[in-house]
Amino acid sequence: MKAGDGGGNLRSCYQEDQRRNFGPIQELGKNVLLGNDTKMQDLLAKLEKLTKTEGHLVGAETLVEVKNAGKDVQAIHVAVKEQSTAMAALQFHAKGVSCL
């Protein structure tokens, strides 16, 4: 018996033990990749439905916020236009007064 033989046997026992421990995980991975796991497919279908629903909700909320921002911008535009008109009237009046 050589000194290296004992280590080889120990290593092969360890590798065999690791294969046994990862067996269920490997089987799950194989089923998922091959599409044989119906429970996983059901869960993925539910996740897809939830993701689409969330996307629609985000789109609706975004639309509401954009409309509100548009209303705010319109109100600011009206206020600036009114101020501009008032300033123009004051300048016109001031020029008329200085010419007298």
PDB file of N, CA and C in Angstrom:
ATOM      1  N   MET A   1       0.838  -1.178   0.000  1.00  0.00           N
ATOM      2  CA  MET A   1       0.000   0.000   0.000  1.00  0.00           C
ATOM      3  C   MET A   1       0.887   1.247   0.000  1.00  0.00           C
ATOM      4  N   LYS A   2       0.608   2.157  -0.875  1.00  0.00           N
ATOM      5  CA  LYS A   2       1.398   3.380  -0.996  1.00  0.00           C
ATOM      6  C   LYS A   2       0.822   4.462  -0.085  1.00  0.00           C
ATOM      7  N   ALA A   3       1.641   5.438   0.185  1.00  0.00           N
ATOM      8  CA  ALA A   3       1.212   6.516   1.076  1.00  0.00           C
ATOM      9  C   ALA A   3       0.103   7.343   0.432  1.00  0.00           C
ATOM     10  N   GLY A   4       0.100   7.450  -0.871  1.00  0.00           N
ATOM     11  CA  GLY A   4      -0.896   8.258  -1.564  1.00  0.00           C
ATOM     12  C   GLY A   4      -2.239   7.568  -1.718  1.00  0.00           C
ATOM     13  N   ASP A   5      -2.316   6.249  -1.547  1.00  0.00           N
ATOM     14  CA  ASP A   5      -3.569   5.528  -1.750  1.00  0.00           C
ATOM     15  C   ASP A   5      -4.629   5.919  -0.738  1.00  0.00           C
ATOM     16  N   GLY A   6      -4.244   6.111   0.501  1.00  0.00           N
ATOM     17  CA  GLY A   6      -5.218   6.461   1.535  1.00  0.00           C
ATOM     18  C   GLY A   6      -5.881   7.794   1.251  1.00  0.00           C
ATOM     19  N   GLY A   7      -5.083   8.750   0.769  1.00  0.00           N
ATOM     20  CA  GLY A   7      -5.629  10.070   0.442  1.00  0.00           C
ATOM     21  C   GLY A   7      -6.589  10.008  -0.717  1.00  0.00           C
ATOM     22  N   GLY A   8      -6.294   9.153  -1.689  1.00  0.00           N
ATOM     23  CA  GLY A   8      -7.176   9.018  -2.848  1.00  0.00           C
ATOM     24  C   GLY A   8      -8.523   8.445  -2.454  1.00  0.00           C
ATOM     25  N   ASN A   9      -8.514   7.459  -1.577  1.00  0.00           N
ATOM     26  CA  ASN A   9      -9.757   6.864  -1.112  1.00  0.00           C
ATOM     27  C   ASN A   9     -10.577   7.871  -0.310  1.00  0.00           C
ATOM     28  N   LEU A  10      -9.902   8.620   0.515  1.00  0.00           N
ATOM     29  CA  LEU A  10     -10.588   9.633   1.312  1.00  0.00           C
ATOM     30  C   LEU A  10     -11.216  10.684   0.397  1.00  0.00           C
ATOM     31  N   ARG A  11     -10.443  11.087  -0.623  1.00  0.00           N
ATOM     32  CA  ARG A  11     -10.940  12.082  -1.567  1.00  0.00           C
ATOM     33  C   ARG A  11     -12.148  11.546  -2.328  1.00  0.00           C
ATOM     34  N   SER A  12     -12.105  10.314  -2.787  1.00  0.00           N
ATOM     35  CA  SER A  12     -13.229   9.760  -3.537  1.00  0.00           C
ATOM     36  C   SER A  12     -14.451   9.595  -2.636  1.00  0.00           C
ATOM     37  N   CYS A  13     -14.240   9.241  -1.362  1.00  0.00           N
ATOM     38  CA  CYS A  13     -15.367   9.164  -0.420  1.00  0.00           C
ATOM     39  C   CYS A  13     -15.998  10.535  -0.227  1.00  0.00           C
ATOM     40  N   TYR A  14     -15.151  11.573  -0.114  1.00  0.00           N
ATOM     41  CA  TYR A  14     -15.649  12.940   0.049  1.00  0.00           C
ATOM     42  C   TYR A  14     -16.439  13.372  -1.185  1.00  0.00           C
ATOM     43  N   GLN A  15     -15.916  13.072  -2.370  1.00  0.00           N
ATOM     44  CA  GLN A  15     -16.600  13.449  -3.607  1.00  0.00           C
ATOM     45  C   GLN A  15     -17.933  12.727  -3.735  1.00  0.00           C
ATOM     46  N   GLU A  16     -17.965  11.457  -3.370  1.00  0.00           N
ATOM     47  CA  GLU A  16     -19.208  10.683  -3.411  1.00  0.00           C
ATOM     48  C   GLU A  16     -20.227  11.264  -2.437  1.00  0.00           C
ATOM     49  N   ASP A  17     -19.755  11.640  -1.265  1.00  0.00           N
ATOM     50  CA  ASP A  17     -20.629  12.250  -0.266  1.00  0.00           C
ATOM     51  C   ASP A  17     -21.193  13.569  -0.784  1.00  0.00           C
ATOM     52  N   GLN A  18     -20.348  14.354  -1.445  1.00  0.00           N
ATOM     53  CA  GLN A  18     -20.807  15.627  -2.005  1.00  0.00           C
ATOM     54  C   GLN A  18     -21.850  15.405  -3.101  1.00  0.00           C
ATOM     55  N   ARG A  19     -21.667  14.395  -3.931  1.00  0.00           N
ATOM     56  CA  ARG A  19     -22.648  14.084  -4.980  1.00  0.00           C
ATOM     57  C   ARG A  19     -23.985  13.717  -4.358  1.00  0.00           C
ATOM     58  N   ARG A  20     -23.963  12.953  -3.287  1.00  0.00           N
ATOM     59  CA  ARG A  20     -25.203  12.576  -2.622  1.00  0.00           C
ATOM     60  C   ARG A  20     -25.889  13.800  -2.021  1.00  0.00           C
ATOM     61  N   ASN A  21     -25.127  14.718  -1.457  1.00  0.00           N
ATOM     62  CA  ASN A  21     -25.705  15.915  -0.842  1.00  0.00           C
ATOM     63  C   ASN A  21     -26.297  16.861  -1.881  1.00  0.00           C
ATOM     64  N   PHE A  22     -25.685  16.958  -3.041  1.00  0.00           N
ATOM     65  CA  PHE A  22     -26.159  17.865  -4.075  1.00  0.00           C
ATOM     66  C   PHE A  22     -27.142  17.205  -5.035  1.00  0.00           C
ATOM     67  N   GLY A  23     -27.417  15.937  -4.838  1.00  0.00           N
ATOM     68  CA  GLY A  23     -28.331  15.222  -5.729  1.00  0.00           C
ATOM     69  C   GLY A  23     -29.685  15.895  -5.882  1.00  0.00           C
ATOM     70  N   PRO A  24     -30.384  16.217  -4.775  1.00  0.00           N
ATOM     71  CA  PRO A  24     -31.689  16.873  -4.907  1.00  0.00           C
ATOM     72  C   PRO A  24     -31.600  18.248  -5.558  1.00  0.00           C
ATOM     73  N   ILE A  25     -30.540  18.967  -5.261  1.00  0.00           N
ATOM     74  CA  ILE A  25     -30.366  20.293  -5.861  1.00  0.00           C
ATOM     75  C   ILE A  25     -30.123  20.158  -7.362  1.00  0.00           C
ATOM     76  N   GLN A  26     -29.294  19.184  -7.728  1.00  0.00           N
ATOM     77  CA  GLN A  26     -29.042  18.959  -9.153  1.00  0.00           C
ATOM     78  C   GLN A  26     -30.321  18.531  -9.859  1.00  0.00           C
ATOM     79  N   GLU A  27     -31.112  17.702  -9.216  1.00  0.00           N
ATOM     80  CA  GLU A  27     -32.367  17.236  -9.812  1.00  0.00           C
ATOM     81  C   GLU A  27     -33.332  18.410 -10.004  1.00  0.00           C
ATOM     82  N   LEU A  28     -33.423  19.272  -9.015  1.00  0.00           N
ATOM     83  CA  LEU A  28     -34.274  20.457  -9.127  1.00  0.00           C
ATOM     84  C   LEU A  28     -33.798  21.344 -10.274  1.00  0.00           C
ATOM     85  N   GLY A  29     -32.491  21.578 -10.339  1.00  0.00           N
ATOM     86  CA  GLY A  29     -31.941  22.402 -11.414  1.00  0.00           C
ATOM     87  C   GLY A  29     -32.215  21.807 -12.776  1.00  0.00           C
ATOM     88  N   LYS A  30     -32.072  20.508 -12.886  1.00  0.00           N
ATOM     89  CA  LYS A  30     -32.327  19.831 -14.154  1.00  0.00           C
ATOM     90  C   LYS A  30     -33.804  19.969 -14.547  1.00  0.00           C
ATOM     91  N   ASN A  31     -34.707  19.778 -13.585  1.00  0.00           N
ATOM     92  CA  ASN A  31     -36.138  19.898 -13.870  1.00  0.00           C
ATOM     93  C   ASN A  31     -36.510  21.321 -14.278  1.00  0.00           C
ATOM     94  N   VAL A  32     -35.921  22.294 -13.594  1.00  0.00           N
ATOM     95  CA  VAL A  32     -36.218  23.689 -13.927  1.00  0.00           C
ATOM     96  C   VAL A  32     -35.711  24.018 -15.323  1.00  0.00           C
ATOM     97  N   LEU A  33     -34.483  23.628 -15.618  1.00  0.00           N
ATOM     98  CA  LEU A  33     -33.908  23.933 -16.927  1.00  0.00           C
ATOM     99  C   LEU A  33     -34.629  23.209 -18.063  1.00  0.00           C
ATOM    100  N   LEU A  34     -35.067  22.003 -17.811  1.00  0.00           N
ATOM    101  CA  LEU A  34     -35.760  21.242 -18.854  1.00  0.00           C
ATOM    102  C   LEU A  34     -37.252  21.555 -18.912  1.00  0.00           C
ATOM    103  N   GLY A  35     -37.764  22.273 -17.930  1.00  0.00           N
ATOM    104  CA  GLY A  35     -39.172  22.633 -17.927  1.00  0.00           C
ATOM    105  C   GLY A  35     -40.072  21.522 -17.432  1.00  0.00           C
ATOM    106  N   ASN A  36     -39.547  20.566 -16.670  1.00  0.00           N
ATOM    107  CA  ASN A  36     -40.339  19.439 -16.183  1.00  0.00           C
ATOM    108  C   ASN A  36     -40.988  19.707 -14.832  1.00  0.00           C
ATOM    109  N   ASP A  37     -40.648  20.788 -14.176  1.00  0.00           N
ATOM    110  CA  ASP A  37     -41.149  21.066 -12.829  1.00  0.00           C
ATOM    111  C   ASP A  37     -42.414  21.924 -12.934  1.00  0.00           C
ATOM    112  N   THR A  38     -43.582  21.300 -12.802  1.00  0.00           N
ATOM    113  CA  THR A  38     -44.844  22.029 -12.967  1.00  0.00           C
ATOM    114  C   THR A  38     -45.076  23.016 -11.835  1.00  0.00           C
ATOM    115  N   LYS A  39     -44.644  22.677 -10.623  1.00  0.00           N
ATOM    116  CA  LYS A  39     -44.809  23.607  -9.507  1.00  0.00           C
ATOM    117  C   LYS A  39     -44.019  24.892  -9.762  1.00  0.00           C
ATOM    118  N   MET A  40     -42.804  24.739 -10.248  1.00  0.00           N
ATOM    119  CA  MET A  40     -41.965  25.902 -10.548  1.00  0.00           C
ATOM    120  C   MET A  40     -42.579  26.712 -11.694  1.00  0.00           C
ATOM    121  N   GLN A  41     -43.114  26.034 -12.695  1.00  0.00           N
ATOM    122  CA  GLN A  41     -43.742  26.735 -13.813  1.00  0.00           C
ATOM    123  C   GLN A  41     -44.979  27.496 -13.351  1.00  0.00           C
ATOM    124  N   ASP A  42     -45.749  26.909 -12.427  1.00  0.00           N
ATOM    125  CA  ASP A  42     -46.909  27.608 -11.876  1.00  0.00           C
ATOM    126  C   ASP A  42     -46.486  28.860 -11.117  1.00  0.00           C
ATOM    127  N   LEU A  43     -45.430  28.730 -10.335  1.00  0.00           N
ATOM    128  CA  LEU A  43     -44.918  29.883  -9.593  1.00  0.00           C
ATOM    129  C   LEU A  43     -44.387  30.962 -10.531  1.00  0.00           C
ATOM    130  N   LEU A  44     -43.697  30.551 -11.584  1.00  0.00           N
ATOM    131  CA  LEU A  44     -43.181  31.526 -12.558  1.00  0.00           C
ATOM    132  C   LEU A  44     -44.318  32.216 -13.292  1.00  0.00           C
ATOM    133  N   ALA A  45     -45.389  31.481 -13.604  1.00  0.00           N
ATOM    134  CA  ALA A  45     -46.553  32.090 -14.265  1.00  0.00           C
ATOM    135  C   ALA A  45     -47.209  33.120 -13.352  1.00  0.00           C
ATOM    136  N   LYS A  46     -47.301  32.792 -12.060  1.00  0.00           N
ATOM    137  CA  LYS A  46     -47.876  33.731 -11.098  1.00  0.00           C
ATOM    138  C   LYS A  46     -46.995  34.973 -10.972  1.00  0.00           C
ATOM    139  N   LEU A  47     -45.679  34.762 -10.927  1.00  0.00           N
ATOM    140  CA  LEU A  47     -44.745  35.886 -10.851  1.00  0.00           C
ATOM    141  C   LEU A  47     -44.868  36.781 -12.083  1.00  0.00           C
ATOM    142  N   GLU A  48     -44.996  36.174 -13.254  1.00  0.00           N
ATOM    143  CA  GLU A  48     -45.151  36.954 -14.484  1.00  0.00           C
ATOM    144  C   GLU A  48     -46.428  37.789 -14.447  1.00  0.00           C
ATOM    145  N   LYS A  49     -47.523  37.186 -13.971  1.00  0.00           N
ATOM    146  CA  LYS A  49     -48.792  37.911 -13.881  1.00  0.00           C
ATOM    147  C   LYS A  49     -48.678  39.085 -12.920  1.00  0.00           C
ATOM    148  N   LEU A  50     -48.053  38.849 -11.755  1.00  0.00           N
ATOM    149  CA  LEU A  50     -47.870  39.916 -10.779  1.00  0.00           C
ATOM    150  C   LEU A  50     -46.981  41.037 -11.326  1.00  0.00           C
ATOM    151  N   THR A  51     -45.948  40.665 -12.057  1.00  0.00           N
ATOM    152  CA  THR A  51     -45.041  41.655 -12.630  1.00  0.00           C
ATOM    153  C   THR A  51     -45.756  42.522 -13.663  1.00  0.00           C
ATOM    154  N   LYS A  52     -46.581  41.890 -14.508  1.00  0.00           N
ATOM    155  CA  LYS A  52     -47.344  42.660 -15.500  1.00  0.00           C
ATOM    156  C   LYS A  52     -48.333  43.598 -14.817  1.00  0.00           C
ATOM    157  N   THR A  53     -49.008  43.101 -13.772  1.00  0.00           N
ATOM    158  CA  THR A  53     -49.963  43.932 -13.047  1.00  0.00           C
ATOM    159  C   THR A  53     -49.262  45.121 -12.409  1.00  0.00           C
ATOM    160  N   GLU A  54     -48.109  44.873 -11.818  1.00  0.00           N
ATOM    161  CA  GLU A  54     -47.360  45.959 -11.206  1.00  0.00           C
ATOM    162  C   GLU A  54     -46.930  46.976 -12.267  1.00  0.00           C
ATOM    163  N   GLY A  55     -46.538  46.488 -13.424  1.00  0.00           N
ATOM    164  CA  GLY A  55     -46.156  47.393 -14.512  1.00  0.00           C
ATOM    165  C   GLY A  55     -47.302  48.296 -14.934  1.00  0.00           C
ATOM    166  N   HIS A  56     -48.505  47.727 -14.999  1.00  0.00           N
ATOM    167  CA  HIS A  56     -49.675  48.533 -15.357  1.00  0.00           C
ATOM    168  C   HIS A  56     -49.977  49.569 -14.285  1.00  0.00           C
ATOM    169  N   LEU A  57     -49.839  49.184 -13.012  1.00  0.00           N
ATOM    170  CA  LEU A  57     -50.076  50.134 -11.923  1.00  0.00           C
ATOM    171  C   LEU A  57     -49.062  51.268 -11.946  1.00  0.00           C
ATOM    172  N   VAL A  58     -47.824  50.936 -12.209  1.00  0.00           N
ATOM    173  CA  VAL A  58     -46.779  51.970 -12.282  1.00  0.00           C
ATOM    174  C   VAL A  58     -47.071  52.923 -13.441  1.00  0.00           C
ATOM    175  N   GLY A  59     -47.496  52.362 -14.564  1.00  0.00           N
ATOM    176  CA  GLY A  59     -47.844  53.212 -15.710  1.00  0.00           C
ATOM    177  C   GLY A  59     -48.990  54.153 -15.393  1.00  0.00           C
ATOM    178  N   ALA A  60     -50.021  53.649 -14.706  1.00  0.00           N
ATOM    179  CA  ALA A  60     -51.167  54.483 -14.343  1.00  0.00           C
ATOM    180  C   ALA A  60     -50.761  55.584 -13.369  1.00  0.00           C
ATOM    181  N   GLU A  61     -49.966  55.240 -12.373  1.00  0.00           N
ATOM    182  CA  GLU A  61     -49.502  56.245 -11.408  1.00  0.00           C
ATOM    183  C   GLU A  61     -48.632  57.301 -12.080  1.00  0.00           C
ATOM    184  N   THR A  62     -47.803  56.874 -13.001  1.00  0.00           N
ATOM    185  CA  THR A  62     -46.955  57.814 -13.733  1.00  0.00           C
ATOM    186  C   THR A  62     -47.796  58.783 -14.550  1.00  0.00           C
ATOM    187  N   LEU A  63     -48.829  58.266 -15.198  1.00  0.00           N
ATOM    188  CA  LEU A  63     -49.723  59.112 -15.986  1.00  0.00           C
ATOM    189  C   LEU A  63     -50.396  60.158 -15.102  1.00  0.00           C
ATOM    190  N   VAL A  64     -50.865  59.749 -13.918  1.00  0.00           N
ATOM    191  CA  VAL A  64     -51.500  60.691 -12.994  1.00  0.00           C
ATOM    192  C   VAL A  64     -50.517  61.789 -12.599  1.00  0.00           C
ATOM    193  N   GLU A  65     -49.295  61.408 -12.268  1.00  0.00           N
ATOM    194  CA  GLU A  65     -48.298  62.398 -11.854  1.00  0.00           C
ATOM    195  C   GLU A  65     -47.926  63.353 -12.988  1.00  0.00           C
ATOM    196  N   VAL A  66     -47.837  62.828 -14.205  1.00  0.00           N
ATOM    197  CA  VAL A  66     -47.514  63.679 -15.355  1.00  0.00           C
ATOM    198  C   VAL A  66     -48.648  64.672 -15.612  1.00  0.00           C
ATOM    199  N   LYS A  67     -49.883  64.211 -15.490  1.00  0.00           N
ATOM    200  CA  LYS A  67     -51.025  65.125 -15.683  1.00  0.00           C
ATOM    201  C   LYS A  67     -51.022  66.217 -14.619  1.00  0.00           C
ATOM    202  N   ASN A  68     -50.749  65.833 -13.364  1.00  0.00           N
ATOM    203  CA  ASN A  68     -50.695  66.834 -12.298  1.00  0.00           C
ATOM    204  C   ASN A  68     -49.576  67.842 -12.538  1.00  0.00           C
ATOM    205  N   ALA A  69     -48.433  67.361 -12.987  1.00  0.00           N
ATOM    206  CA  ALA A  69     -47.316  68.265 -13.286  1.00  0.00           C
ATOM    207  C   ALA A  69     -47.682  69.204 -14.432  1.00  0.00           C
ATOM    208  N   GLY A  70     -48.392  68.678 -15.430  1.00  0.00           N
ATOM    209  CA  GLY A  70     -48.834  69.516 -16.555  1.00  0.00           C
ATOM    210  C   GLY A  70     -49.769  70.621 -16.102  1.00  0.00           C
ATOM    211  N   LYS A  71     -50.668  70.284 -15.171  1.00  0.00           N
ATOM    212  CA  LYS A  71     -51.589  71.302 -14.632  1.00  0.00           C
ATOM    213  C   LYS A  71     -50.810  72.372 -13.870  1.00  0.00           C
ATOM    214  N   ASP A  72     -49.812  71.950 -13.107  1.00  0.00           N
ATOM    215  CA  ASP A  72     -48.994  72.903 -12.354  1.00  0.00           C
ATOM    216  C   ASP A  72     -48.214  73.822 -13.294  1.00  0.00           C
ATOM    217  N   VAL A  73     -47.664  73.268 -14.346  1.00  0.00           N
ATOM    218  CA  VAL A  73     -46.919  74.073 -15.325  1.00  0.00           C
ATOM    219  C   VAL A  73     -47.862  75.069 -16.006  1.00  0.00           C
ATOM    220  N   GLN A  74     -49.061  74.629 -16.324  1.00  0.00           N
ATOM    221  CA  GLN A  74     -50.040  75.522 -16.950  1.00  0.00           C
ATOM    222  C   GLN A  74     -50.395  76.672 -16.010  1.00  0.00           C
ATOM    223  N   ALA A  75     -50.565  76.381 -14.719  1.00  0.00           N
ATOM    224  CA  ALA A  75     -50.880  77.430 -13.741  1.00  0.00           C
ATOM    225  C   ALA A  75     -49.725  78.421 -13.627  1.00  0.00           C
ATOM    226  N   ILE A  76     -48.510  77.933 -13.633  1.00  0.00           N
ATOM    227  CA  ILE A  76     -47.340  78.818 -13.576  1.00  0.00           C
ATOM    228  C   ILE A  76     -47.276  79.683 -14.833  1.00  0.00           C
ATOM    229  N   HIS A  77     -47.564  79.092 -15.984  1.00  0.00           N
ATOM    230  CA  HIS A  77     -47.554  79.844 -17.252  1.00  0.00           C
ATOM    231  C   HIS A  77     -48.564  80.992 -17.202  1.00  0.00           C
ATOM    232  N   VAL A  78     -49.760  80.700 -16.697  1.00  0.00           N
ATOM    233  CA  VAL A  78     -50.793  81.739 -16.605  1.00  0.00           C
ATOM    234  C   VAL A  78     -50.342  82.851 -15.653  1.00  0.00           C
ATOM    235  N   ALA A  79     -49.768  82.479 -14.519  1.00  0.00           N
ATOM    236  CA  ALA A  79     -49.318  83.476 -13.544  1.00  0.00           C
ATOM    237  C   ALA A  79     -48.211  84.353 -14.125  1.00  0.00           C
ATOM    238  N   VAL A  80     -47.269  83.753 -14.832  1.00  0.00           N
ATOM    239  CA  VAL A  80     -46.170  84.522 -15.433  1.00  0.00           C
ATOM    240  C   VAL A  80     -46.715  85.448 -16.516  1.00  0.00           C
ATOM    241  N   LYS A  81     -47.655  84.964 -17.293  1.00  0.00           N
ATOM    242  CA  LYS A  81     -48.248  85.794 -18.349  1.00  0.00           C
ATOM    243  C   LYS A  81     -48.993  86.986 -17.745  1.00  0.00           C
ATOM    244  N   GLU A  82     -49.717  86.751 -16.661  1.00  0.00           N
ATOM    245  CA  GLU A  82     -50.427  87.853 -15.992  1.00  0.00           C
ATOM    246  C   GLU A  82     -49.448  88.875 -15.440  1.00  0.00           C
ATOM    247  N   GLN A  83     -48.354  88.400 -14.840  1.00  0.00           N
ATOM    248  CA  GLN A  83     -47.345  89.314 -14.308  1.00  0.00           C
ATOM    249  C   GLN A  83     -46.677  90.110 -15.422  1.00  0.00           C
ATOM    250  N   SER A  84     -46.417  89.443 -16.529  1.00  0.00           N
ATOM    251  CA  SER A  84     -45.786  90.118 -17.665  1.00  0.00           C
ATOM    252  C   SER A  84     -46.700  91.206 -18.212  1.00  0.00           C
ATOM    253  N   THR A  85     -47.980  90.898 -18.299  1.00  0.00           N
ATOM    254  CA  THR A  85     -48.950  91.889 -18.782  1.00  0.00           C
ATOM    255  C   THR A  85     -49.034  93.064 -17.814  1.00  0.00           C
ATOM    256  N   ALA A  86     -49.046  92.771 -16.515  1.00  0.00           N
ATOM    257  CA  ALA A  86     -49.114  93.837 -15.513  1.00  0.00           C
ATOM    258  C   ALA A  86     -47.867  94.714 -15.571  1.00  0.00           C
ATOM    259  N   MET A  87     -46.699  94.108 -15.733  1.00  0.00           N
ATOM    260  CA  MET A  87     -45.455  94.880 -15.815  1.00  0.00           C
ATOM    261  C   MET A  87     -45.431  95.754 -17.069  1.00  0.00           C
ATOM    262  N   ALA A  88     -45.920  95.219 -18.172  1.00  0.00           N
ATOM    263  CA  ALA A  88     -45.964  95.993 -19.414  1.00  0.00           C
ATOM    264  C   ALA A  88     -46.883  97.200 -19.248  1.00  0.00           C
ATOM    265  N   ALA A  89     -48.001  97.005 -18.573  1.00  0.00           N
ATOM    266  CA  ALA A  89     -48.937  98.115 -18.348  1.00  0.00           C
ATOM    267  C   ALA A  89     -48.305  99.176 -17.449  1.00  0.00           C
ATOM    268  N   LEU A  90     -47.579  98.745 -16.423  1.00  0.00           N
ATOM    269  CA  LEU A  90     -46.920  99.705 -15.535  1.00  0.00           C
ATOM    270  C   LEU A  90     -45.830 100.477 -16.273  1.00  0.00           C
ATOM    271  N   GLN A  91     -45.068  99.793 -17.125  1.00  0.00           N
ATOM    272  CA  GLN A  91     -44.034 100.472 -17.886  1.00  0.00           C
ATOM    273  C   GLN A  91     -44.640 101.485 -18.867  1.00  0.00           C
ATOM    274  N   PHE A  92     -45.733 101.093 -19.491  1.00  0.00           N
ATOM    275  CA  PHE A  92     -46.407 102.008 -20.425  1.00  0.00           C
ATOM    276  C   PHE A  92     -46.915 103.226 -19.667  1.00  0.00           C
ATOM    277  N   HIS A  93     -47.516 103.005 -18.491  1.00  0.00           N
ATOM    278  CA  HIS A  93     -48.019 104.100 -17.685  1.00  0.00           C
ATOM    279  C   HIS A  93     -46.877 104.992 -17.211  1.00  0.00           C
ATOM    280  N   ALA A  94     -45.749 104.388 -16.821  1.00  0.00           N
ATOM    281  CA  ALA A  94     -44.603 105.160 -16.346  1.00  0.00           C
ATOM    282  C   ALA A  94     -44.030 106.020 -17.476  1.00  0.00           C
ATOM    283  N   LYS A  95     -43.978 105.526 -18.697  1.00  0.00           N
ATOM    284  CA  LYS A  95     -43.498 106.312 -19.825  1.00  0.00           C
ATOM    285  C   LYS A  95     -44.432 107.460 -20.116  1.00  0.00           C
ATOM    286  N   GLY A  96     -45.728 107.220 -19.985  1.00  0.00           N
ATOM    287  CA  GLY A  96     -46.717 108.274 -20.234  1.00  0.00           C
ATOM    288  C   GLY A  96     -46.634 109.376 -19.204  1.00  0.00           C
ATOM    289  N   VAL A  97     -46.361 109.025 -17.986  1.00  0.00           N
ATOM    290  CA  VAL A  97     -46.263 109.999 -16.909  1.00  0.00           C
ATOM    291  C   VAL A  97     -44.995 110.842 -17.067  1.00  0.00           C
ATOM    292  N   SER A  98     -43.897 110.217 -17.472  1.00  0.00           N
ATOM    293  CA  SER A  98     -42.641 110.948 -17.585  1.00  0.00           C
ATOM    294  C   SER A  98     -42.672 111.912 -18.775  1.00  0.00           C
ATOM    295  N   CYS A  99     -43.495 111.663 -19.771  1.00  0.00           N
ATOM    296  CA  CYS A  99     -43.563 112.536 -20.941  1.00  0.00           C
ATOM    297  C   CYS A  99     -44.393 113.759 -20.665  1.00  0.00           C
ATOM    298  N   LEU A 100     -45.199 113.787 -19.651  1.00  0.00           N
ATOM    299  CA  LEU A 100     -46.047 114.935 -19.353  1.00  0.00           C
ATOM    300  C   LEU A 100     -45.269 116.024 -18.766  1.00  0.00           C
TER     301      LEU A 100
END
